[in-house]
Each structure stands twice: as structure tokens, then as C-alpha cells.
Amino acid sequence: MRANREDELFGALAHRARRQMLDILLARPGASVNEVAAHFEFSRIAAMKHLGVLTRAGLVLSEKHGRSRKLYFNTVPIQEIHQRWTDRYGELFAGPMAALKTRLESGSAKGKTKRA
């Protein structure tokens, strides 16, 4: 994932209302702009601006149906970020944690044999 795309994604997720919009779309796939906007105290235009940010970040997909649009939460960008961070940084912790587990287990096994 490119750095610019990551910046867009994290920027889109930085606003609480946009995260709430994603929760709404997760619960109601295919909701309209009006249905999403009804959950907020700000205007429909403001909701559309937030949805635009989410769309540019790739988090919201829309399908045009006549005069209305159906909105869907696209989880792929979040999955890509998750994989990037868990794969790369998980390796940093997995090795030392496995070594610690081995040491602790072998230490407790030695302690049991000394007492017996």
C-alpha cells in the first residue's frame, strides 16, 4: 500500500463521524446517503462531504440506482493496513516471545525436577 493511500486512509478514519458512518454501512449495506445522514445532527451536505472523504480513501463504494446511490463499506483497505502492520511488526515480537516462552517452560521444567 502506497504511503499517500495510507495517509488518506488514516485521515479518513481520524474523524469520529466517519468511523460511525462506516459502522452504519457495516450494519446496513446498501444504505442511501439520506439514511446515513439521518444518524447525525449535521446537514446532508456535511454527511456527503464526509462520505466523499471515505470514498476517496476507498472505504466506501457506491452504486448508482436511478436517482439514488447505495453505499457499501469496503473493508479491503483496512485489511491491507492490518496485514501490513501485523505481518511486519508481528515478526518483531513473535521471535522474542517464543524464546521467552521456551525459557519459561524449560525453567519451570527444571524447577520441577529439582524438587522431586
C-alpha atoms as a PDB file:
ATOM      1  CA  MET A   1       0.000   0.000   0.000  1.00  0.00           C
ATOM      2  CA  ARG A   2       1.426   3.381  -1.014  1.00  0.00           C
ATOM      3  CA  ALA A   3       2.207   5.997   1.649  1.00  0.00           C
ATOM      4  CA  ASN A   4      -0.251   8.508   0.122  1.00  0.00           C
ATOM      5  CA  ARG A   5      -3.017   5.934   0.221  1.00  0.00           C
ATOM      6  CA  GLU A   6      -2.198   5.111   3.844  1.00  0.00           C
ATOM      7  CA  ASP A   7      -2.313   8.810   4.718  1.00  0.00           C
ATOM      8  CA  GLU A   8      -5.726   9.123   3.058  1.00  0.00           C
ATOM      9  CA  LEU A   9      -6.982   6.051   4.871  1.00  0.00           C
ATOM     10  CA  PHE A  10      -5.761   7.135   8.307  1.00  0.00           C
ATOM     11  CA  GLY A  11      -7.038  10.669   7.655  1.00  0.00           C
ATOM     12  CA  ALA A  12     -10.458   9.315   6.767  1.00  0.00           C
ATOM     13  CA  LEU A  13     -10.551   7.182   9.905  1.00  0.00           C
ATOM     14  CA  ALA A  14      -9.393  10.042  12.114  1.00  0.00           C
ATOM     15  CA  HIS A  15     -12.853  11.633  12.327  1.00  0.00           C
ATOM     16  CA  ARG A  16     -15.356  10.045  14.706  1.00  0.00           C
ATOM     17  CA  ALA A  17     -18.354  10.760  12.464  1.00  0.00           C
ATOM     18  CA  ARG A  18     -16.703   8.970   9.548  1.00  0.00           C
ATOM     19  CA  ARG A  19     -15.992   5.932  11.717  1.00  0.00           C
ATOM     20  CA  GLN A  20     -19.648   5.986  12.769  1.00  0.00           C
ATOM     21  CA  MET A  21     -20.676   6.129   9.113  1.00  0.00           C
ATOM     22  CA  LEU A  22     -18.640   3.001   8.460  1.00  0.00           C
ATOM     23  CA  ASP A  23     -20.369   1.301  11.390  1.00  0.00           C
ATOM     24  CA  ILE A  24     -23.741   2.258   9.891  1.00  0.00           C
ATOM     25  CA  LEU A  25     -22.759   0.880   6.484  1.00  0.00           C
ATOM     26  CA  LEU A  26     -21.447  -2.304   8.055  1.00  0.00           C
ATOM     27  CA  ALA A  27     -24.799  -2.811   9.769  1.00  0.00           C
ATOM     28  CA  ARG A  28     -26.862  -1.660   6.763  1.00  0.00           C
ATOM     29  CA  PRO A  29     -25.108  -2.459   3.477  1.00  0.00           C
ATOM     30  CA  GLY A  30     -26.705  -0.558   0.609  1.00  0.00           C
ATOM     31  CA  ALA A  31     -27.926   2.342   2.756  1.00  0.00           C
ATOM     32  CA  SER A  32     -28.584   5.611   0.944  1.00  0.00           C
ATOM     33  CA  VAL A  33     -26.900   8.933   1.707  1.00  0.00           C
ATOM     34  CA  ASN A  34     -30.142  10.098   3.347  1.00  0.00           C
ATOM     35  CA  GLU A  35     -30.256   7.006   5.552  1.00  0.00           C
ATOM     36  CA  VAL A  36     -26.680   7.569   6.698  1.00  0.00           C
ATOM     37  CA  ALA A  37     -27.169  11.322   7.157  1.00  0.00           C
ATOM     38  CA  ALA A  38     -30.262  10.733   9.320  1.00  0.00           C
ATOM     39  CA  HIS A  39     -27.997   9.422  12.107  1.00  0.00           C
ATOM     40  CA  PHE A  40     -26.217  12.774  12.507  1.00  0.00           C
ATOM     41  CA  GLU A  41     -27.123  16.266  13.627  1.00  0.00           C
ATOM     42  CA  PHE A  42     -25.172  17.920  10.830  1.00  0.00           C
ATOM     43  CA  SER A  43     -26.590  18.594   7.373  1.00  0.00           C
ATOM     44  CA  ARG A  44     -26.944  16.173   4.496  1.00  0.00           C
ATOM     45  CA  ILE A  45     -24.308  18.204   2.623  1.00  0.00           C
ATOM     46  CA  ALA A  46     -21.855  17.735   5.510  1.00  0.00           C
ATOM     47  CA  ALA A  47     -22.629  13.996   5.509  1.00  0.00           C
ATOM     48  CA  MET A  48     -21.944  13.906   1.767  1.00  0.00           C
ATOM     49  CA  LYS A  49     -18.570  15.597   2.335  1.00  0.00           C
ATOM     50  CA  HIS A  50     -17.645  13.006   4.957  1.00  0.00           C
ATOM     51  CA  LEU A  51     -18.777  10.216   2.643  1.00  0.00           C
ATOM     52  CA  GLY A  52     -16.627  11.764  -0.097  1.00  0.00           C
ATOM     53  CA  VAL A  53     -13.560  11.522   2.136  1.00  0.00           C
ATOM     54  CA  LEU A  54     -14.390   7.886   2.875  1.00  0.00           C
ATOM     55  CA  THR A  55     -14.924   7.192  -0.830  1.00  0.00           C
ATOM     56  CA  ARG A  56     -11.605   8.763  -1.847  1.00  0.00           C
ATOM     57  CA  ALA A  57      -9.876   6.629   0.789  1.00  0.00           C
ATOM     58  CA  GLY A  58     -11.506   3.555  -0.760  1.00  0.00           C
ATOM     59  CA  LEU A  59     -13.547   2.752   2.353  1.00  0.00           C
ATOM     60  CA  VAL A  60     -16.954   3.415   0.796  1.00  0.00           C
ATOM     61  CA  LEU A  61     -18.166   2.095  -2.531  1.00  0.00           C
ATOM     62  CA  SER A  62     -21.312   3.449  -4.124  1.00  0.00           C
ATOM     63  CA  GLU A  63     -23.619   2.127  -6.794  1.00  0.00           C
ATOM     64  CA  LYS A  64     -25.973   4.388  -8.633  1.00  0.00           C
ATOM     65  CA  HIS A  65     -29.569   3.126  -8.814  1.00  0.00           C
ATOM     66  CA  GLY A  66     -31.675   5.614 -10.717  1.00  0.00           C
ATOM     67  CA  ARG A  67     -31.563   8.862  -8.773  1.00  0.00           C
ATOM     68  CA  SER A  68     -30.211   7.323  -5.592  1.00  0.00           C
ATOM     69  CA  ARG A  69     -26.957   5.746  -4.526  1.00  0.00           C
ATOM     70  CA  LYS A  70     -26.416   2.629  -2.472  1.00  0.00           C
ATOM     71  CA  LEU A  71     -23.392   2.788  -0.201  1.00  0.00           C
ATOM     72  CA  TYR A  72     -21.230  -0.105   0.946  1.00  0.00           C
ATOM     73  CA  PHE A  73     -18.353  -0.385   3.411  1.00  0.00           C
ATOM     74  CA  ASN A  74     -15.246  -1.673   1.621  1.00  0.00           C
ATOM     75  CA  THR A  75     -13.114  -3.421   4.243  1.00  0.00           C
ATOM     76  CA  VAL A  76     -10.214  -4.205   1.883  1.00  0.00           C
ATOM     77  CA  PRO A  77      -8.121  -1.087   2.710  1.00  0.00           C
ATOM     78  CA  ILE A  78      -8.401  -1.796   6.434  1.00  0.00           C
ATOM     79  CA  GLN A  79      -7.426  -5.425   5.855  1.00  0.00           C
ATOM     80  CA  GLU A  80      -4.374  -4.281   3.864  1.00  0.00           C
ATOM     81  CA  ILE A  81      -3.290  -1.979   6.699  1.00  0.00           C
ATOM     82  CA  HIS A  82      -3.877  -4.742   9.232  1.00  0.00           C
ATOM     83  CA  GLN A  83      -1.774  -7.204   7.249  1.00  0.00           C
ATOM     84  CA  ARG A  84       0.993  -4.663   6.721  1.00  0.00           C
ATOM     85  CA  TRP A  85       1.299  -3.871  10.402  1.00  0.00           C
ATOM     86  CA  THR A  86       0.710  -7.349  11.802  1.00  0.00           C
ATOM     87  CA  ASP A  87       2.990  -9.087   9.296  1.00  0.00           C
ATOM     88  CA  ARG A  88       5.866  -6.630   9.557  1.00  0.00           C
ATOM     89  CA  TYR A  89       5.733  -5.788  13.233  1.00  0.00           C
ATOM     90  CA  GLY A  90       4.363  -9.104  14.416  1.00  0.00           C
ATOM     91  CA  GLU A  91       7.649 -10.715  13.411  1.00  0.00           C
ATOM     92  CA  LEU A  92       9.499  -8.360  15.757  1.00  0.00           C
ATOM     93  CA  PHE A  93       7.524  -9.683  18.707  1.00  0.00           C
ATOM     94  CA  ALA A  94       6.920 -13.286  17.703  1.00  0.00           C
ATOM     95  CA  GLY A  95      10.561 -14.391  17.871  1.00  0.00           C
ATOM     96  CA  PRO A  96      11.396 -12.906  21.281  1.00  0.00           C
ATOM     97  CA  MET A  97       8.046 -14.022  22.731  1.00  0.00           C
ATOM     98  CA  ALA A  98       8.605 -17.595  21.516  1.00  0.00           C
ATOM     99  CA  ALA A  99      12.106 -17.559  23.033  1.00  0.00           C
ATOM    100  CA  LEU A 100      10.727 -16.235  26.337  1.00  0.00           C
ATOM    101  CA  LYS A 101       8.028 -18.927  26.361  1.00  0.00           C
ATOM    102  CA  THR A 102      10.650 -21.608  25.739  1.00  0.00           C
ATOM    103  CA  ARG A 103      12.877 -20.260  28.524  1.00  0.00           C
ATOM    104  CA  LEU A 104       9.997 -20.058  30.975  1.00  0.00           C
ATOM    105  CA  GLU A 105       8.769 -23.539  30.154  1.00  0.00           C
ATOM    106  CA  SER A 106      12.235 -25.056  30.368  1.00  0.00           C
ATOM    107  CA  GLY A 107      12.872 -23.173  33.609  1.00  0.00           C
ATOM    108  CA  SER A 108       9.677 -24.485  35.177  1.00  0.00           C
ATOM    109  CA  ALA A 109      10.531 -27.994  33.989  1.00  0.00           C
ATOM    110  CA  LYS A 110      13.997 -27.714  35.637  1.00  0.00           C
ATOM    111  CA  GLY A 111      12.403 -26.423  38.826  1.00  0.00           C
ATOM    112  CA  LYS A 112      10.088 -29.455  38.947  1.00  0.00           C
ATOM    113  CA  THR A 113      12.955 -31.917  38.554  1.00  0.00           C
ATOM    114  CA  LYS A 114      14.988 -30.247  41.330  1.00  0.00           C
ATOM    115  CA  ARG A 115      12.126 -30.595  43.825  1.00  0.00           C
ATOM    116  CA  ALA A 116      11.391 -34.220  43.064  1.00  0.00           C
END
